[in-house]
Protein backbone atom coordinates (compact mmCIF):
# COMPACT_ATOMS: atom_id res chain seq x y z
CA MET A 1 -193.34 -160.37 5.16
CA ALA A 2 -193.39 -163.63 3.63
CA ARG A 3 -196.57 -165.55 3.62
CA ALA A 4 -194.71 -168.81 5.00
CA PRO A 5 -192.00 -168.93 7.65
CA ILE A 6 -188.50 -168.90 6.45
CA PRO A 7 -186.76 -171.63 8.49
CA SER A 8 -183.05 -171.55 9.60
CA ILE A 9 -180.91 -174.51 8.66
CA GLN A 10 -181.66 -175.98 11.98
CA GLU A 11 -185.53 -175.39 11.72
CA ALA A 12 -185.63 -177.11 8.23
CA PRO A 13 -186.51 -180.71 7.73
CA THR A 14 -183.72 -182.92 8.31
CA LYS A 15 -183.87 -184.21 4.49
CA SER A 16 -183.49 -180.40 3.45
CA GLN A 17 -180.41 -179.63 5.74
CA PRO A 18 -177.81 -180.97 3.57
CA ILE A 19 -178.84 -178.86 0.56
CA LEU A 20 -179.37 -175.70 2.64
CA GLU A 21 -175.53 -176.18 4.07
CA ASN A 22 -174.33 -176.57 0.66
CA TYR A 23 -175.56 -173.30 -0.51
CA VAL A 24 -173.60 -171.84 2.67
CA LYS A 25 -170.57 -173.54 1.06
CA VAL A 26 -171.10 -171.93 -2.42
CA LEU A 27 -172.66 -168.91 -1.69
CA GLY A 28 -171.50 -168.08 1.97
CA VAL A 29 -175.46 -167.80 2.81
CA VAL A 30 -178.56 -169.40 2.23
CA PRO A 31 -180.82 -167.08 0.17
CA ASN A 32 -184.50 -166.93 1.61
CA PHE A 33 -186.01 -168.64 -1.23
CA PHE A 34 -184.32 -171.83 -0.68
CA SER A 35 -184.68 -171.54 3.20
CA LEU A 36 -188.54 -170.82 2.48
CA ILE A 37 -189.00 -173.96 0.18
CA SER A 38 -186.96 -176.08 2.38
CA GLN A 39 -190.16 -176.86 4.23
CA SER A 40 -190.57 -179.20 1.20
CA PRO A 41 -187.73 -181.32 0.82
CA ASP A 42 -188.78 -182.78 -2.54
CA ALA A 43 -189.37 -179.19 -3.66
CA LEU A 44 -185.89 -177.92 -2.49
CA LYS A 45 -184.18 -180.95 -4.00
CA ALA A 46 -186.03 -180.63 -7.40
CA ILE A 47 -185.17 -176.83 -7.55
CA ALA A 48 -181.61 -177.36 -6.36
CA ASP A 49 -181.12 -179.96 -8.99
CA MET A 50 -182.48 -178.05 -11.65
CA HIS A 51 -180.35 -174.79 -10.48
CA ALA A 52 -177.25 -177.05 -10.45
CA THR A 53 -177.99 -178.77 -14.09
CA LEU A 54 -179.55 -176.43 -16.34
CA GLY A 55 -177.77 -173.89 -18.74
CA LYS A 56 -174.34 -175.13 -18.81
CA SER A 57 -174.08 -174.77 -22.54
CA ILE A 58 -174.83 -171.03 -22.62
CA GLY A 59 -172.51 -170.14 -19.49
CA HIS A 60 -173.00 -168.57 -16.18
CA LYS A 61 -173.40 -164.75 -17.16
CA THR A 62 -175.85 -165.69 -19.81
CA ARG A 63 -177.69 -167.96 -17.27
CA GLU A 64 -177.74 -164.74 -14.76
CA ARG A 65 -178.91 -162.44 -17.57
CA LEU A 66 -181.98 -164.52 -18.31
CA HIS A 67 -183.01 -164.80 -14.75
CA ILE A 68 -182.70 -161.00 -14.52
CA MET A 69 -184.74 -160.68 -17.72
CA THR A 70 -187.29 -163.21 -16.59
CA ALA A 71 -187.61 -161.46 -13.04
CA GLU A 72 -188.50 -158.36 -14.83
CA VAL A 73 -191.04 -159.85 -17.19
CA ASN A 74 -192.86 -161.57 -14.20
CA GLY A 75 -192.42 -158.81 -11.87
CA CYS A 76 -190.54 -160.61 -9.45
CA SER A 77 -188.32 -158.35 -7.19
CA TYR A 78 -186.80 -161.12 -5.06
CA CYS A 79 -185.38 -162.87 -8.26
CA LEU A 80 -184.12 -159.50 -9.65
CA THR A 81 -182.45 -158.70 -6.36
CA ALA A 82 -180.75 -162.12 -5.97
CA HIS A 83 -179.75 -162.65 -9.49
CA SER A 84 -178.37 -158.89 -9.85
CA TYR A 85 -176.33 -159.48 -6.77
CA LEU A 86 -175.10 -162.92 -8.15
CA ALA A 87 -174.40 -161.43 -11.48
CA SER A 88 -172.44 -158.83 -10.04
CA LYS A 89 -170.62 -160.69 -7.46
CA LEU A 90 -169.78 -163.92 -9.10
CA ASN A 91 -170.03 -163.24 -12.73
CA GLY A 92 -168.83 -159.65 -12.77
CA LEU A 93 -171.68 -158.21 -14.78
CA THR A 94 -171.83 -154.24 -14.81
CA LYS A 95 -174.94 -152.34 -13.83
CA GLU A 96 -175.37 -151.02 -17.42
CA ASP A 97 -175.51 -154.66 -18.68
CA MET A 98 -177.93 -155.80 -15.95
CA GLU A 99 -180.02 -152.99 -16.62
CA LEU A 100 -180.32 -153.86 -20.34
CA ASN A 101 -181.05 -157.37 -19.49
CA ARG A 102 -184.01 -156.38 -17.62
CA GLU A 103 -185.56 -155.43 -20.97
CA GLY A 104 -184.19 -158.35 -22.92
CA HIS A 105 -180.61 -157.11 -24.16
CA SER A 106 -177.01 -157.00 -23.29
CA THR A 107 -173.86 -155.34 -24.10
CA ASP A 108 -172.35 -158.61 -25.33
CA PRO A 109 -173.65 -159.18 -29.00
CA LEU A 110 -173.88 -162.94 -28.29
CA ALA A 111 -175.62 -162.72 -24.97
CA ASP A 112 -178.05 -160.13 -26.53
CA ALA A 113 -178.94 -162.36 -29.27
CA ALA A 114 -179.91 -165.12 -26.46
CA LEU A 115 -181.94 -162.48 -24.36
CA GLN A 116 -183.74 -160.99 -27.31
CA PHE A 117 -184.91 -164.70 -28.03
CA ALA A 118 -185.67 -165.42 -24.40
CA TYR A 119 -187.48 -162.26 -23.85
CA LYS A 120 -189.81 -163.14 -26.74
CA VAL A 121 -190.29 -166.64 -25.36
CA ALA A 122 -191.02 -164.96 -21.86
CA LYS A 123 -193.29 -162.29 -23.14
CA SER A 124 -195.33 -164.69 -25.43
CA ARG A 125 -195.22 -167.81 -23.35
CA GLY A 126 -193.27 -169.80 -25.91
CA HIS A 127 -195.84 -168.43 -28.75
CA ILE A 128 -192.95 -167.33 -30.95
CA GLU A 129 -192.43 -166.41 -34.67
CA ASP A 130 -190.18 -168.63 -37.08
CA ALA A 131 -188.24 -165.48 -37.58
CA ASP A 132 -187.28 -165.44 -33.81
CA PHE A 133 -185.99 -169.13 -33.90
CA ALA A 134 -184.18 -168.29 -37.01
CA ALA A 135 -182.59 -165.10 -35.61
CA VAL A 136 -181.17 -166.89 -32.34
CA ARG A 137 -179.84 -169.73 -34.77
CA ALA A 138 -178.25 -167.10 -37.14
CA ALA A 139 -176.51 -165.54 -33.94
CA GLY A 140 -174.59 -168.73 -33.56
CA PHE A 141 -176.83 -170.87 -31.14
CA THR A 142 -176.97 -174.43 -31.64
CA ASP A 143 -180.12 -176.32 -30.94
CA THR A 144 -178.86 -177.55 -27.76
CA GLN A 145 -178.01 -174.20 -26.49
CA ILE A 146 -181.68 -172.73 -27.56
CA ILE A 147 -183.24 -175.49 -25.52
CA ASP A 148 -180.90 -174.60 -22.83
CA ILE A 149 -182.06 -170.74 -23.22
CA VAL A 150 -185.41 -172.13 -23.02
CA ALA A 151 -185.13 -174.26 -19.93
CA GLU A 152 -183.25 -171.79 -18.02
CA THR A 153 -186.15 -169.25 -18.82
CA ALA A 154 -188.63 -171.68 -17.97
CA PHE A 155 -186.89 -172.48 -14.62
CA SER A 156 -186.82 -168.79 -14.08
CA PHE A 157 -190.42 -168.85 -14.25
CA ILE A 158 -190.81 -171.52 -11.45
CA THR A 159 -188.65 -169.25 -9.06
CA ASN A 160 -190.69 -166.26 -10.01
CA LEU A 161 -193.88 -168.18 -9.10
CA PHE A 162 -192.68 -169.25 -5.73
CA ASN A 163 -191.40 -165.89 -4.76
CA ASN A 164 -194.20 -163.94 -5.96
CA THR A 165 -196.59 -166.25 -4.42
CA PHE A 166 -194.85 -166.48 -1.09
CA LYS A 167 -193.94 -163.03 -0.96
CA THR A 168 -190.11 -163.93 -0.09
CA ASP A 169 -188.42 -161.55 2.04
CA LEU A 170 -185.50 -159.87 0.30
CA ASP A 171 -182.24 -161.11 1.71
CA PRO A 172 -180.63 -158.49 3.74
CA SER A 173 -176.99 -159.10 2.33
CA PHE A 174 -178.41 -158.50 -1.22
CA PRO A 175 -178.77 -154.90 -2.57
CA GLU A 176 -182.77 -154.06 -2.79
CA LEU A 177 -184.02 -153.90 -6.17
CA HIS A 178 -187.73 -153.71 -7.36
CA THR A 179 -189.04 -154.58 -10.96
CA ARG A 180 -190.83 -151.92 -12.86
CA LYS A 181 -194.03 -154.00 -12.66
CA ALA A 182 -193.74 -154.17 -8.89
CA ALA A 183 -192.96 -150.44 -8.45
């Protein structure tokens, strides 16, 4: 059970309602995470803006892969569930790939390089070796894309922190998954 109420769109503050309604348009549902943080219109707007803005240079599939990996690293079953659902439904990722994503790998070679790098960033909290940076560059990533990989990983930390802190209820329309850390 969540540590804070998860309001409906109508129960959310007036300033939050248009943002929540946009999630209904895009996803067909308002994920519990967005409903929960809607109690703070400023937090909701900041998260929604980051969600809509970050990671464009690395593509939607790699973004979802990064969220799956970071959820596993941080023991966030809510984010693992939500992003696995989105990765499968909206981006066509396979169960095999998503399982690899959890450990910082992918069936796609370019995504694998991004995930290996991001996994090291996440596990070490950014204290990586020069060789790690050189490897992601050698795989073909530009500095802009590397910045986006780190930004997307950091954004995942934010959502993981919220969901772990508030014990956000899993969305009933998403298949329930649990991180190995949470299991």
